[in-house]
Amino acid sequence: MNNIKITLKKSLNGRNAKHIATAHALGLRRIGDVTVQPENPSTAGKIAKIGYLIEVEVVK
Protein backbone atom coordinates (compact mmCIF):
# COMPACT_ATOMS: atom_id res chain seq x y z
CA MET A 1 0.00 0.00 0.00
CA ASN A 2 1.30 3.45 -0.93
CA ASN A 3 1.22 6.55 1.19
CA ILE A 4 0.34 10.06 0.06
CA LYS A 5 2.29 13.16 1.09
CA ILE A 6 -0.06 16.13 1.39
CA THR A 7 1.16 19.75 1.69
CA LEU A 8 -1.09 22.72 2.48
CA LYS A 9 -0.29 25.38 -0.15
CA LYS A 10 -3.03 27.96 0.38
CA SER A 11 -4.41 29.66 3.47
CA LEU A 12 -7.51 28.40 5.27
CA ASN A 13 -8.62 31.95 6.14
CA GLY A 14 -12.08 32.75 4.78
CA ARG A 15 -12.70 29.21 3.49
CA ASN A 16 -15.83 27.15 3.91
CA ALA A 17 -16.01 25.77 7.47
CA LYS A 18 -16.31 22.20 6.17
CA HIS A 19 -13.16 22.62 4.08
CA ILE A 20 -11.28 23.92 7.12
CA ALA A 21 -12.50 20.94 9.15
CA THR A 22 -11.36 18.56 6.39
CA ALA A 23 -7.88 20.14 6.36
CA HIS A 24 -7.68 19.83 10.15
CA ALA A 25 -8.78 16.18 9.94
CA LEU A 26 -5.78 15.60 7.65
CA GLY A 27 -3.51 17.32 10.18
CA LEU A 28 -3.03 20.50 8.13
CA ARG A 29 -3.29 23.78 10.01
CA ARG A 30 -0.79 26.25 8.50
CA ILE A 31 0.59 26.91 5.03
CA GLY A 32 3.52 24.55 4.50
CA ASP A 33 2.27 21.86 6.87
CA VAL A 34 2.97 18.36 5.55
CA THR A 35 1.32 15.08 6.47
CA VAL A 36 1.65 11.53 5.19
CA GLN A 37 -1.60 9.60 4.92
CA PRO A 38 -2.44 6.09 3.66
CA GLU A 39 -3.84 5.85 0.16
CA ASN A 40 -7.46 4.76 0.67
CA PRO A 41 -10.97 5.89 -0.33
CA SER A 42 -11.39 8.01 2.81
CA THR A 43 -8.23 10.01 2.14
CA ALA A 44 -9.10 10.29 -1.56
CA GLY A 45 -12.45 11.85 -0.66
CA LYS A 46 -10.80 14.42 1.60
CA ILE A 47 -8.28 15.27 -1.12
CA ALA A 48 -11.07 15.70 -3.65
CA LYS A 49 -12.90 18.08 -1.32
CA ILE A 50 -9.95 20.43 -0.66
CA GLY A 51 -7.80 19.71 -3.70
CA TYR A 52 -7.58 23.41 -4.57
CA LEU A 53 -5.76 24.10 -1.27
CA ILE A 54 -3.20 21.30 -1.29
CA GLU A 55 -0.42 19.63 -3.22
CA VAL A 56 -0.34 15.82 -3.34
CA GLU A 57 2.46 13.38 -4.18
CA VAL A 58 2.73 9.60 -3.84
CA VAL A 59 5.38 8.25 -1.44
CA LYS A 60 6.46 4.64 -1.57
C-alpha atoms as a PDB file:
ATOM      1  CA  MET A   1       0.000   0.000   0.000  1.00  0.00           C
ATOM      2  CA  ASN A   2       1.297   3.446  -0.929  1.00  0.00           C
ATOM      3  CA  ASN A   3       1.218   6.550   1.186  1.00  0.00           C
ATOM      4  CA  ILE A   4       0.338  10.057   0.060  1.00  0.00           C
ATOM      5  CA  LYS A   5       2.293  13.158   1.088  1.00  0.00           C
ATOM      6  CA  ILE A   6      -0.063  16.133   1.388  1.00  0.00           C
ATOM      7  CA  THR A   7       1.156  19.747   1.693  1.00  0.00           C
ATOM      8  CA  LEU A   8      -1.086  22.717   2.476  1.00  0.00           C
ATOM      9  CA  LYS A   9      -0.292  25.377  -0.148  1.00  0.00           C
ATOM     10  CA  LYS A  10      -3.027  27.964   0.383  1.00  0.00           C
ATOM     11  CA  SER A  11      -4.414  29.656   3.475  1.00  0.00           C
ATOM     12  CA  LEU A  12      -7.509  28.398   5.267  1.00  0.00           C
ATOM     13  CA  ASN A  13      -8.622  31.948   6.136  1.00  0.00           C
ATOM     14  CA  GLY A  14     -12.083  32.750   4.782  1.00  0.00           C
ATOM     15  CA  ARG A  15     -12.699  29.213   3.486  1.00  0.00           C
ATOM     16  CA  ASN A  16     -15.828  27.151   3.909  1.00  0.00           C
ATOM     17  CA  ALA A  17     -16.010  25.768   7.467  1.00  0.00           C
ATOM     18  CA  LYS A  18     -16.308  22.197   6.174  1.00  0.00           C
ATOM     19  CA  HIS A  19     -13.159  22.624   4.084  1.00  0.00           C
ATOM     20  CA  ILE A  20     -11.276  23.924   7.117  1.00  0.00           C
ATOM     21  CA  ALA A  21     -12.496  20.942   9.148  1.00  0.00           C
ATOM     22  CA  THR A  22     -11.355  18.565   6.393  1.00  0.00           C
ATOM     23  CA  ALA A  23      -7.883  20.141   6.362  1.00  0.00           C
ATOM     24  CA  HIS A  24      -7.680  19.833  10.150  1.00  0.00           C
ATOM     25  CA  ALA A  25      -8.776  16.182   9.937  1.00  0.00           C
ATOM     26  CA  LEU A  26      -5.783  15.597   7.652  1.00  0.00           C
ATOM     27  CA  GLY A  27      -3.506  17.322  10.176  1.00  0.00           C
ATOM     28  CA  LEU A  28      -3.028  20.504   8.129  1.00  0.00           C
ATOM     29  CA  ARG A  29      -3.290  23.780  10.010  1.00  0.00           C
ATOM     30  CA  ARG A  30      -0.793  26.249   8.500  1.00  0.00           C
ATOM     31  CA  ILE A  31       0.593  26.911   5.032  1.00  0.00           C
ATOM     32  CA  GLY A  32       3.518  24.554   4.495  1.00  0.00           C
ATOM     33  CA  ASP A  33       2.265  21.856   6.872  1.00  0.00           C
ATOM     34  CA  VAL A  34       2.968  18.363   5.549  1.00  0.00           C
ATOM     35  CA  THR A  35       1.317  15.083   6.466  1.00  0.00           C
ATOM     36  CA  VAL A  36       1.648  11.526   5.188  1.00  0.00           C
ATOM     37  CA  GLN A  37      -1.605   9.595   4.917  1.00  0.00           C
ATOM     38  CA  PRO A  38      -2.440   6.091   3.660  1.00  0.00           C
ATOM     39  CA  GLU A  39      -3.839   5.853   0.155  1.00  0.00           C
ATOM     40  CA  ASN A  40      -7.459   4.760   0.672  1.00  0.00           C
ATOM     41  CA  PRO A  41     -10.972   5.892  -0.328  1.00  0.00           C
ATOM     42  CA  SER A  42     -11.390   8.012   2.814  1.00  0.00           C
ATOM     43  CA  THR A  43      -8.234  10.006   2.138  1.00  0.00           C
ATOM     44  CA  ALA A  44      -9.097  10.291  -1.557  1.00  0.00           C
ATOM     45  CA  GLY A  45     -12.451  11.849  -0.658  1.00  0.00           C
ATOM     46  CA  LYS A  46     -10.803  14.419   1.602  1.00  0.00           C
ATOM     47  CA  ILE A  47      -8.284  15.267  -1.115  1.00  0.00           C
ATOM     48  CA  ALA A  48     -11.073  15.704  -3.653  1.00  0.00           C
ATOM     49  CA  LYS A  49     -12.896  18.084  -1.322  1.00  0.00           C
ATOM     50  CA  ILE A  50      -9.951  20.426  -0.661  1.00  0.00           C
ATOM     51  CA  GLY A  51      -7.802  19.710  -3.703  1.00  0.00           C
ATOM     52  CA  TYR A  52      -7.582  23.405  -4.575  1.00  0.00           C
ATOM     53  CA  LEU A  53      -5.761  24.104  -1.271  1.00  0.00           C
ATOM     54  CA  ILE A  54      -3.203  21.296  -1.289  1.00  0.00           C
ATOM     55  CA  GLU A  55      -0.419  19.626  -3.224  1.00  0.00           C
ATOM     56  CA  VAL A  56      -0.337  15.821  -3.344  1.00  0.00           C
ATOM     57  CA  GLU A  57       2.456  13.383  -4.185  1.00  0.00           C
ATOM     58  CA  VAL A  58       2.734   9.602  -3.837  1.00  0.00           C
ATOM     59  CA  VAL A  59       5.375   8.251  -1.440  1.00  0.00           C
ATOM     60  CA  LYS A  60       6.458   4.641  -1.565  1.00  0.00           C
END
